[in-house]
Amino acid sequence: MFVDQVHIHVKAGDGGAGCMSFRREAHVPKGGPDGGDGGRGGDVIVEADKSLSTLIDYRFKHHFRAPRGTHGKGSKMHGANGEDLVLRVPLGTQVREYDETTQERGEMIADLCRHGARVVVAQGGAGGRGNIHFVTATRRAPAFAELGEPAEERWIELEMKLMADAALVGMPSVGKSSLIARMSAARPKIADYPFTTLVPNLGMVRARDHSFVLADVPGLIEGAAEGRGLGHEFLRHIERTALILHVIDASGSYEGRDPVEDYLRINEELARYTQELAARPQIVVVNKVDLPGTEGVFERICAQLQSEGLARVGGDEFDEDLVTFEAFAVSAVTDQGIDALIAAVAERVYELRAAAEGVGAEGVGAGAKDAHYEQVWEVRRQQKERTFAVRALGGGVFSVEGRAVERMVIQTEWENEEAIAYLQGRLERMGVEKALVEAGARNGDEIRILGRSFLFESALEAAHEADGEEEERDGGADDR
């Protein structure tokens, strides 16, 4: 089964809890704290693997979870880290954020175009710190530790786009499958009815010193750019190809279509899907020229190309500055013109590779593109991590929202007064107390964070009230 788009839910491993422990040994009356740290949870990683050709592994299983870290123990014994969970995908897989509720795509996380390229899609939670980390000059025996950090979890979309050098494109039943079978060792299903090809096929083609990967894409029909037929599902697979082999049926197929109209219609669909795809270099392949009644069709196609100022027919140059097309008359049945076509495609692919050395078909180096998407997404993720928001709910109630703040609350043992006092100090240093005062919070107001509720007690607010009272007294003295 060919699967090229899936949605999966990934959850990294939670961090293990830190340990609250004190050294207890004979003849050591004041051993001090010795609680170990919890282990870090495993990450969920998506990695490109050139041995894969489909996303079938994610067709029926949609939830993936990495192991959690183990808890710390006494005697400064730290918990073990959870193992990373590696999800392997084919080359050319794009990873995006996905909203399962609205079923909408989010930001691009990575575009994995190289074997071994990987991206962390969900980070494991950090292990909680043991009580050995909270010793200060005034706190010699901390009786609390941190709980493990909750891990990231999200829905993501995996979308595979074929990594081929050239792609066969055309109307249904123009002979694309027959051509790839003749040009390579690929053996797709071949029959005399439309949409015999339901999934893309890949074949390796060798021509003397060069070789290239050829893709056979299901036939396109009018309206393919809007999703009619199979076009919308498979147009994505020619986005990465450096060269398009535009196949035309010289016989007009059983429908009696006009070959020139077919040529114009397919180019129109490519342009409607994306202008960049319409501008991709093409070689026009006029197939089935061995059939009766096809005389003069190749000349008509060449005249159309020449009228567009884009043609180089069989290698004869018309205008070198405007050349982006070539045309070949072939027959996949009799082998007519196949060798010349293979040689021309191999040479053109080689030229395009050389002209864009280190640059992918979409204009960005494969390695640089991997890093670009990952860096942008990571920066945005960190920004979301650090930010928080204060909302006034009315009636002296305020809520604080933000991943970093919520993580602190989750890691706090709420039955331990020392741990709560330590949390208050962290929130103050992070600027939460100041933001609450600026939002209008007063001592005694209710503050809610992730389902927890506590009363607001702030030295900043006390100072603020004192300043206000002093201003009122000064104002009254001036009035007198």
Protein backbone atom coordinates (compact mmCIF):
# COMPACT_ATOMS: atom_id res chain seq x y z
CA MET A 1 0.00 0.00 0.00
CA PHE A 2 1.30 3.45 -0.96
CA VAL A 3 0.73 6.00 1.81
CA ASP A 4 2.11 9.52 1.41
CA GLN A 5 0.28 11.58 4.06
CA VAL A 6 -0.57 10.74 7.67
CA HIS A 7 -1.38 12.49 10.94
CA ILE A 8 0.09 11.12 14.15
CA HIS A 9 0.17 12.07 17.82
CA VAL A 10 3.57 12.07 19.50
CA LYS A 11 4.36 12.38 23.21
CA ALA A 12 7.84 12.49 24.63
CA GLY A 13 8.73 10.91 27.97
CA ASP A 14 8.05 12.75 31.22
CA GLY A 15 10.99 13.51 33.45
CA GLY A 16 11.56 11.45 36.57
CA ALA A 17 11.03 13.04 39.98
CA GLY A 18 13.93 14.23 42.08
CA CYS A 19 14.46 12.61 45.48
CA MET A 20 14.22 14.27 48.88
CA SER A 21 16.65 12.34 51.06
CA PHE A 22 19.17 12.89 53.84
CA ARG A 23 22.35 10.96 54.42
CA ARG A 24 21.98 8.53 57.28
CA GLU A 25 25.12 6.71 58.36
CA ALA A 26 26.57 5.54 61.56
CA HIS A 27 28.95 8.08 63.09
CA VAL A 28 27.72 10.76 60.63
CA PRO A 29 25.25 12.76 62.74
CA LYS A 30 24.71 15.57 60.18
CA GLY A 31 25.07 13.93 56.78
CA GLY A 32 23.05 16.54 54.93
CA PRO A 33 20.80 16.17 51.88
CA ASP A 34 21.70 13.50 49.31
CA GLY A 35 18.62 13.16 47.05
CA GLY A 36 19.44 12.32 43.43
CA ASP A 37 17.95 13.87 40.29
CA GLY A 38 15.26 12.28 38.17
CA GLY A 39 16.17 11.07 34.68
CA ARG A 40 15.26 13.00 31.56
CA GLY A 41 12.41 11.65 29.44
CA GLY A 42 13.10 10.39 25.92
CA ASP A 43 12.61 12.65 22.89
CA VAL A 44 10.47 11.77 19.88
CA ILE A 45 12.61 12.13 16.74
CA VAL A 46 11.63 11.91 13.07
CA GLU A 47 14.50 10.65 10.89
CA ALA A 48 14.79 10.28 7.11
CA ASP A 49 15.69 6.79 5.90
CA LYS A 50 16.51 6.16 2.23
CA SER A 51 15.44 2.52 2.50
CA LEU A 52 11.79 3.53 3.00
CA SER A 53 9.41 4.50 0.21
CA THR A 54 6.06 4.95 1.98
CA LEU A 55 4.51 6.05 5.27
CA ILE A 56 2.66 2.74 5.65
CA ASP A 57 4.07 2.27 9.18
CA TYR A 58 1.87 5.17 10.33
CA ARG A 59 -1.26 4.23 8.42
CA PHE A 60 -2.87 2.21 11.22
CA LYS A 61 -0.93 3.31 14.32
CA HIS A 62 -1.35 6.98 15.16
CA HIS A 63 -0.06 7.37 18.72
CA PHE A 64 3.62 7.17 19.66
CA ARG A 65 5.13 7.71 23.10
CA ALA A 66 8.74 7.78 24.28
CA PRO A 67 9.77 6.20 27.63
CA ARG A 68 9.87 8.41 30.72
CA GLY A 69 12.88 9.02 32.93
CA THR A 70 13.16 7.09 36.18
CA HIS A 71 13.01 8.75 39.60
CA GLY A 72 16.07 9.76 41.58
CA LYS A 73 17.04 7.96 44.78
CA GLY A 74 18.94 8.62 47.97
CA SER A 75 22.73 8.52 48.21
CA LYS A 76 22.84 10.91 45.22
CA MET A 77 21.67 8.17 42.86
CA HIS A 78 20.32 9.84 39.73
CA GLY A 79 17.53 8.27 37.69
CA ALA A 80 18.20 6.83 34.22
CA ASN A 81 17.20 8.83 31.14
CA GLY A 82 14.42 7.50 28.96
CA GLU A 83 15.43 6.24 25.50
CA ASP A 84 14.63 8.40 22.49
CA LEU A 85 11.87 7.17 20.18
CA VAL A 86 12.99 7.42 16.53
CA LEU A 87 10.27 7.42 13.86
CA ARG A 88 11.79 6.67 10.45
CA VAL A 89 10.27 8.18 7.31
CA PRO A 90 11.16 8.21 3.59
CA LEU A 91 13.39 10.87 2.06
CA GLY A 92 11.44 13.93 1.03
CA THR A 93 9.08 13.87 4.01
CA GLN A 94 7.86 17.21 5.30
CA VAL A 95 6.95 17.47 8.99
CA ARG A 96 4.35 20.05 10.05
CA GLU A 97 2.40 20.93 13.14
CA TYR A 98 -1.23 19.79 12.92
CA ASP A 99 -4.38 20.76 14.82
CA GLU A 100 -6.49 17.64 15.22
CA THR A 101 -9.51 19.67 16.37
CA THR A 102 -9.69 22.06 13.41
CA GLN A 103 -7.85 19.66 11.07
CA GLU A 104 -5.63 22.50 9.92
CA ARG A 105 -1.94 22.49 9.13
CA GLY A 106 0.44 24.51 11.27
CA GLU A 107 4.05 25.60 10.89
CA MET A 108 6.63 23.66 8.96
CA ILE A 109 8.93 21.83 11.40
CA ALA A 110 11.36 20.21 8.97
CA ASP A 111 11.84 19.12 5.37
CA LEU A 112 13.89 15.92 5.50
CA CYS A 113 15.69 15.58 2.17
CA ARG A 114 18.91 13.82 3.24
CA HIS A 115 19.46 10.32 4.53
CA GLY A 116 19.93 10.54 8.28
CA ALA A 117 18.43 14.04 8.59
CA ARG A 118 16.41 14.21 11.80
CA VAL A 119 14.32 16.61 13.85
CA VAL A 120 13.05 16.48 17.44
CA VAL A 121 9.27 16.89 17.23
CA ALA A 122 8.62 16.45 20.97
CA GLN A 123 11.18 17.06 23.69
CA GLY A 124 11.36 14.86 26.75
CA GLY A 125 10.75 16.43 30.12
CA ALA A 126 13.71 17.34 32.29
CA GLY A 127 14.20 15.30 35.40
CA GLY A 128 13.29 16.94 38.70
CA ARG A 129 16.20 18.06 40.85
CA GLY A 130 16.92 16.34 44.13
CA ASN A 131 17.14 18.28 47.38
CA ILE A 132 20.94 18.51 47.07
CA HIS A 133 20.38 21.42 44.63
CA PHE A 134 18.43 23.62 47.04
CA VAL A 135 21.02 24.05 49.77
CA THR A 136 21.80 27.72 50.52
CA ALA A 137 23.50 29.59 53.33
CA THR A 138 20.14 29.99 55.05
CA ARG A 139 18.55 26.74 53.91
CA ARG A 140 20.95 24.02 55.12
CA ALA A 141 18.49 21.13 55.07
CA PRO A 142 15.94 21.55 52.23
CA ALA A 143 13.09 19.13 52.80
CA PHE A 144 11.75 19.24 49.23
CA ALA A 145 12.66 18.22 45.70
CA GLU A 146 11.26 18.88 42.24
CA LEU A 147 8.86 16.61 40.45
CA GLY A 148 9.67 15.60 36.88
CA GLU A 149 8.92 18.00 34.04
CA PRO A 150 5.96 17.03 31.86
CA ALA A 151 6.96 16.21 28.28
CA GLU A 152 5.84 17.85 25.07
CA GLU A 153 3.08 16.26 23.07
CA ARG A 154 1.46 17.31 19.81
CA TRP A 155 -0.17 16.18 16.60
CA ILE A 156 2.03 16.36 13.52
CA GLU A 157 1.51 15.81 9.82
CA LEU A 158 3.92 13.71 7.78
CA GLU A 159 3.72 14.40 4.05
CA MET A 160 5.98 12.55 1.63
CA LYS A 161 7.00 14.12 -1.68
CA LEU A 162 8.91 11.88 -4.07
CA MET A 163 12.62 12.59 -4.50
CA ALA A 164 12.91 12.05 -8.27
CA ASP A 165 15.06 13.78 -10.89
CA ALA A 166 12.39 13.66 -13.60
CA ALA A 167 8.65 12.94 -13.64
CA LEU A 168 6.32 11.68 -16.36
CA VAL A 169 3.27 13.95 -16.49
CA GLY A 170 0.27 13.84 -18.78
CA MET A 171 -3.36 12.92 -19.33
CA PRO A 172 -4.61 9.43 -18.37
CA SER A 173 -3.75 6.60 -20.79
CA VAL A 174 -1.02 8.48 -22.67
CA GLY A 175 1.49 5.69 -21.99
CA LYS A 176 3.44 6.96 -18.99
CA SER A 177 3.59 3.55 -17.32
CA SER A 178 4.70 1.92 -20.57
CA LEU A 179 7.46 4.50 -20.90
CA ILE A 180 8.84 4.03 -17.39
CA ALA A 181 8.75 0.27 -17.90
CA ARG A 182 10.67 0.68 -21.18
CA MET A 183 13.19 3.18 -19.76
CA SER A 184 13.87 1.49 -16.41
CA ALA A 185 13.47 -1.76 -14.49
CA ALA A 186 10.21 -0.55 -12.92
CA ARG A 187 7.24 -2.81 -13.63
CA PRO A 188 4.05 -0.83 -13.01
CA LYS A 189 0.59 -2.10 -13.88
CA ILE A 190 -0.17 -1.40 -17.55
CA ALA A 191 -3.66 -1.58 -19.08
CA ASP A 192 -5.74 0.16 -21.77
CA TYR A 193 -8.08 2.07 -19.48
CA PRO A 194 -7.73 5.44 -17.63
CA PHE A 195 -6.23 5.62 -14.13
CA THR A 196 -4.52 2.25 -14.32
CA THR A 197 -1.78 3.92 -12.28
CA LEU A 198 -3.17 4.83 -8.87
CA VAL A 199 0.11 5.43 -7.04
CA PRO A 200 3.43 6.98 -8.14
CA ASN A 201 6.12 4.58 -9.37
CA LEU A 202 9.87 5.15 -9.30
CA GLY A 203 12.48 3.70 -11.65
CA MET A 204 16.25 4.07 -11.95
CA VAL A 205 17.38 4.88 -15.50
CA ARG A 206 20.99 4.47 -16.65
CA ALA A 207 22.49 6.15 -19.70
CA ARG A 208 26.22 5.56 -20.20
CA ASP A 209 28.00 7.76 -17.63
CA HIS A 210 24.85 9.20 -16.05
CA SER A 211 21.80 7.90 -14.24
CA PHE A 212 18.61 9.45 -12.93
CA VAL A 213 15.46 8.57 -10.97
CA LEU A 214 12.26 8.72 -13.00
CA ALA A 215 8.78 9.01 -11.46
CA ASP A 216 5.52 7.90 -13.08
CA VAL A 217 2.68 10.02 -11.66
CA PRO A 218 -1.04 9.12 -12.08
CA GLY A 219 -2.75 10.87 -14.97
CA LEU A 220 -4.01 14.42 -14.61
CA ILE A 221 -7.33 15.76 -15.84
CA GLU A 222 -8.80 19.22 -16.17
CA GLY A 223 -9.36 20.62 -12.68
CA ALA A 224 -6.53 18.55 -11.15
CA ALA A 225 -5.16 21.65 -9.39
CA GLU A 226 -8.48 21.91 -7.52
CA GLY A 227 -8.49 18.24 -6.59
CA ARG A 228 -10.38 16.60 -9.47
CA GLY A 229 -9.37 13.05 -10.30
CA LEU A 230 -6.14 12.07 -8.57
CA GLY A 231 -4.37 15.31 -9.41
CA HIS A 232 -4.48 17.06 -6.07
CA GLU A 233 -3.18 13.95 -4.30
CA PHE A 234 -0.17 13.49 -6.58
CA LEU A 235 0.79 16.91 -7.97
CA ARG A 236 2.83 17.28 -4.79
CA HIS A 237 5.09 14.47 -5.98
CA ILE A 238 6.43 16.48 -8.92
CA GLU A 239 7.22 19.58 -6.86
CA ARG A 240 10.76 18.35 -6.16
CA THR A 241 11.61 17.08 -9.64
CA ALA A 242 14.19 19.04 -11.59
CA LEU A 243 12.71 18.08 -14.97
CA ILE A 244 9.21 17.29 -16.26
CA LEU A 245 8.64 14.81 -19.08
CA HIS A 246 5.36 16.00 -20.59
CA VAL A 247 3.87 12.93 -22.28
CA ILE A 248 1.32 13.43 -25.09
CA ASP A 249 -0.70 10.71 -26.81
CA ALA A 250 -0.27 11.26 -30.56
CA SER A 251 -3.37 9.13 -31.26
CA GLY A 252 -5.66 11.22 -29.07
CA SER A 253 -6.51 8.10 -27.05
CA TYR A 254 -9.89 6.37 -27.34
CA GLU A 255 -11.58 9.72 -26.58
CA GLY A 256 -10.18 11.30 -29.73
CA ARG A 257 -8.61 14.20 -27.83
CA ASP A 258 -6.53 16.78 -29.65
CA PRO A 259 -2.83 16.33 -28.67
CA VAL A 260 -2.07 20.05 -28.82
CA GLU A 261 -5.07 20.80 -26.59
CA ASP A 262 -3.85 18.13 -24.14
CA TYR A 263 -0.44 19.80 -24.04
CA LEU A 264 -1.93 23.23 -23.32
CA ARG A 265 -4.39 21.86 -20.75
CA ILE A 266 -1.73 20.07 -18.68
CA ASN A 267 0.48 23.15 -18.63
CA GLU A 268 -2.50 25.20 -17.48
CA GLU A 269 -3.12 22.77 -14.60
CA LEU A 270 0.55 22.96 -13.57
CA ALA A 271 0.37 26.76 -13.57
CA ARG A 272 -2.83 26.75 -11.51
CA TYR A 273 -1.22 24.47 -8.94
CA THR A 274 1.89 26.65 -8.66
CA GLN A 275 3.61 29.03 -11.08
CA GLU A 276 7.00 27.69 -10.03
CA LEU A 277 5.98 24.24 -11.25
CA ALA A 278 4.79 25.61 -14.59
CA ALA A 279 8.21 27.22 -15.10
CA ARG A 280 10.05 23.94 -14.44
CA PRO A 281 12.14 22.73 -17.43
CA GLN A 282 10.22 20.31 -19.65
CA ILE A 283 10.90 17.74 -22.32
CA VAL A 284 7.84 17.01 -24.44
CA VAL A 285 7.43 13.32 -25.28
CA VAL A 286 4.99 12.58 -28.13
CA ASN A 287 4.16 8.91 -27.57
CA LYS A 288 2.39 6.27 -29.73
CA VAL A 289 3.71 7.70 -33.02
CA ASP A 290 3.68 4.14 -34.41
CA LEU A 291 -0.13 4.09 -34.59
CA PRO A 292 -2.01 4.87 -37.80
CA GLY A 293 -3.36 8.39 -38.13
CA THR A 294 -0.60 9.99 -36.04
CA GLU A 295 1.24 11.41 -39.04
CA GLY A 296 1.81 15.12 -38.65
CA VAL A 297 1.02 15.23 -34.92
CA PHE A 298 4.66 15.58 -33.91
CA GLU A 299 5.08 18.46 -36.39
CA ARG A 300 2.00 20.18 -34.90
CA ILE A 301 3.42 19.88 -31.39
CA CYS A 302 6.77 21.24 -32.55
CA ALA A 303 5.03 24.16 -34.26
CA GLN A 304 3.20 24.94 -31.00
CA LEU A 305 6.46 24.88 -29.05
CA GLN A 306 8.19 26.96 -31.67
CA SER A 307 5.36 29.52 -31.57
CA GLU A 308 5.96 29.87 -27.83
CA GLY A 309 9.65 30.51 -28.49
CA LEU A 310 10.56 27.67 -26.18
CA ALA A 311 11.51 24.76 -28.41
CA ARG A 312 14.58 22.78 -29.31
CA VAL A 313 13.33 19.83 -31.34
CA GLY A 314 15.44 16.71 -31.32
CA GLY A 315 18.49 18.77 -30.45
CA ASP A 316 18.17 21.36 -33.26
CA GLU A 317 18.37 24.76 -31.62
CA PHE A 318 15.95 27.53 -32.51
CA ASP A 319 16.89 30.14 -29.91
CA GLU A 320 19.42 29.16 -27.29
CA ASP A 321 18.46 32.02 -24.98
CA LEU A 322 14.82 30.87 -24.81
CA VAL A 323 15.35 27.13 -24.73
CA THR A 324 13.55 25.34 -21.92
CA PHE A 325 11.77 22.63 -23.92
CA GLU A 326 12.76 19.72 -26.12
CA ALA A 327 10.46 17.40 -28.05
CA PHE A 328 10.86 13.73 -28.97
CA ALA A 329 8.69 11.41 -31.04
CA VAL A 330 8.69 7.96 -29.40
CA SER A 331 6.87 4.67 -29.19
CA ALA A 332 6.97 2.67 -25.96
CA VAL A 333 5.83 -0.38 -27.94
CA THR A 334 8.35 -0.40 -30.82
CA ASP A 335 11.16 1.31 -28.85
CA GLN A 336 11.31 4.13 -31.41
CA GLY A 337 13.15 7.17 -30.06
CA ILE A 338 13.55 5.73 -26.54
CA ASP A 339 17.36 5.66 -26.55
CA ALA A 340 17.59 9.25 -27.76
CA LEU A 341 15.05 10.31 -25.12
CA ILE A 342 16.97 8.57 -22.31
CA ALA A 343 20.24 10.18 -23.40
CA ALA A 344 18.66 13.65 -23.56
CA VAL A 345 16.98 13.32 -20.16
CA ALA A 346 20.17 12.03 -18.54
CA GLU A 347 22.17 14.92 -19.99
CA ARG A 348 19.58 17.50 -18.98
CA VAL A 349 19.34 16.14 -15.44
CA TYR A 350 23.12 16.18 -15.18
CA GLU A 351 23.20 19.83 -16.33
CA LEU A 352 20.52 20.82 -13.83
CA ARG A 353 22.35 19.05 -11.01
CA ALA A 354 25.62 20.75 -11.92
CA ALA A 355 23.96 24.16 -12.16
CA ALA A 356 22.41 23.73 -8.74
CA GLU A 357 25.13 21.84 -6.93
CA GLY A 358 24.09 21.49 -3.31
CA VAL A 359 20.75 23.10 -4.12
CA GLY A 360 17.47 21.20 -3.98
CA ALA A 361 14.79 21.30 -6.63
CA GLU A 362 12.93 23.95 -4.67
CA GLY A 363 15.89 26.34 -4.69
CA VAL A 364 17.39 25.69 -1.27
CA GLY A 365 20.24 23.36 -0.43
CA ALA A 366 18.89 20.16 1.06
CA GLY A 367 21.07 20.38 4.15
CA ALA A 368 20.52 24.10 4.56
CA LYS A 369 16.78 23.64 4.13
CA ASP A 370 16.64 21.00 6.86
CA ALA A 371 18.51 23.31 9.21
CA HIS A 372 16.52 26.39 8.20
CA TYR A 373 13.08 24.96 8.99
CA GLU A 374 14.31 23.32 12.19
CA GLN A 375 16.05 26.48 13.45
CA VAL A 376 13.04 28.70 12.71
CA TRP A 377 10.66 26.29 14.39
CA GLU A 378 12.99 25.84 17.38
CA VAL A 379 13.31 29.62 17.88
CA ARG A 380 9.54 30.01 17.80
CA ARG A 381 9.12 27.08 20.17
CA GLN A 382 11.54 28.64 22.65
CA GLN A 383 9.75 31.98 22.40
CA LYS A 384 6.45 30.28 23.22
CA GLU A 385 8.22 28.47 26.07
CA ARG A 386 9.39 31.68 27.74
CA THR A 387 6.31 33.84 27.31
CA PHE A 388 3.38 34.01 29.71
CA ALA A 389 0.16 35.99 29.88
CA VAL A 390 -1.84 37.43 32.78
CA ARG A 391 -5.61 37.74 32.40
CA ALA A 392 -8.04 39.48 34.72
CA LEU A 393 -11.11 37.27 35.14
CA GLY A 394 -13.02 39.80 37.25
CA GLY A 395 -13.97 39.84 40.90
CA GLY A 396 -10.33 39.96 42.07
CA VAL A 397 -9.44 36.76 40.17
CA PHE A 398 -6.45 36.55 37.80
CA SER A 399 -5.05 33.69 35.71
CA VAL A 400 -1.48 33.16 34.56
CA GLU A 401 -0.88 31.07 31.42
CA GLY A 402 2.38 29.99 29.85
CA ARG A 403 4.29 26.76 29.41
CA ALA A 404 7.26 27.72 31.60
CA VAL A 405 5.02 28.93 34.45
CA GLU A 406 2.77 25.89 34.20
CA ARG A 407 5.79 23.58 34.23
CA MET A 408 7.00 25.14 37.49
CA VAL A 409 3.60 24.54 39.05
CA ILE A 410 3.50 20.92 37.90
CA GLN A 411 6.98 20.30 39.31
CA THR A 412 6.01 21.64 42.74
CA GLU A 413 4.95 19.41 45.61
CA TRP A 414 1.90 21.28 46.87
CA GLU A 415 1.79 19.43 50.16
CA ASN A 416 5.23 20.83 51.01
CA GLU A 417 5.35 24.41 52.30
CA GLU A 418 9.06 24.77 51.55
CA ALA A 419 8.45 23.75 47.93
CA ILE A 420 5.63 26.31 47.60
CA ALA A 421 7.84 29.06 49.03
CA TYR A 422 10.56 28.13 46.52
CA LEU A 423 7.99 28.31 43.70
CA GLN A 424 6.97 31.81 44.76
CA GLY A 425 10.58 32.92 44.57
CA ARG A 426 10.96 31.47 41.04
CA LEU A 427 7.79 33.20 39.83
CA GLU A 428 9.02 36.49 41.27
CA ARG A 429 12.37 36.17 39.50
CA MET A 430 10.58 35.33 36.25
CA GLY A 431 8.58 38.57 36.43
CA VAL A 432 5.16 37.03 37.09
CA GLU A 433 4.63 39.02 40.30
CA LYS A 434 5.43 42.30 38.55
CA ALA A 435 3.08 41.44 35.65
CA LEU A 436 0.26 40.69 38.11
CA VAL A 437 0.72 44.04 39.87
CA GLU A 438 0.71 45.84 36.51
CA ALA A 439 -2.49 43.96 35.58
CA GLY A 440 -4.16 45.32 38.73
CA ALA A 441 -3.73 42.44 41.17
CA ARG A 442 -3.82 43.40 44.86
CA ASN A 443 -2.85 41.50 47.99
CA GLY A 444 -5.55 39.04 48.84
CA ASP A 445 -6.70 38.52 45.22
CA GLU A 446 -7.01 34.98 43.87
CA ILE A 447 -4.37 33.77 41.40
CA ARG A 448 -5.04 30.69 39.27
CA ILE A 449 -2.34 28.70 37.44
CA LEU A 450 -3.17 25.40 35.76
CA GLY A 451 -6.03 24.49 38.07
CA ARG A 452 -4.16 25.60 41.21
CA SER A 453 -5.39 28.57 43.22
CA PHE A 454 -3.63 30.71 45.84
CA LEU A 455 -3.87 34.15 47.39
CA PHE A 456 -1.69 36.94 46.06
CA GLU A 457 0.87 38.28 48.55
CA SER A 458 3.38 40.71 47.10
CA ALA A 459 5.93 43.07 48.57
CA LEU A 460 5.71 45.06 45.32
CA GLU A 461 1.99 45.59 45.84
CA ALA A 462 2.56 46.62 49.48
CA ALA A 463 5.14 49.16 48.30
CA HIS A 464 2.76 50.32 45.60
CA GLU A 465 -0.02 50.89 48.17
CA ALA A 466 2.39 52.73 50.47
CA ASP A 467 3.43 55.05 47.63
CA GLY A 468 -0.22 55.75 46.87
CA GLU A 469 -0.98 56.62 50.49
CA GLU A 470 2.06 58.90 50.64
CA GLU A 471 0.95 60.70 47.48
CA GLU A 472 -2.50 61.20 48.98
CA ARG A 473 -0.97 62.69 52.18
CA ASP A 474 1.26 64.99 50.14
CA GLY A 475 -1.69 66.09 48.07
CA GLY A 476 -3.71 66.89 51.21
CA ALA A 477 -0.83 68.91 52.68
CA ASP A 478 -0.56 70.97 49.49
CA ASP A 479 -4.30 71.67 49.63
CA ARG A 480 -3.93 73.04 53.12
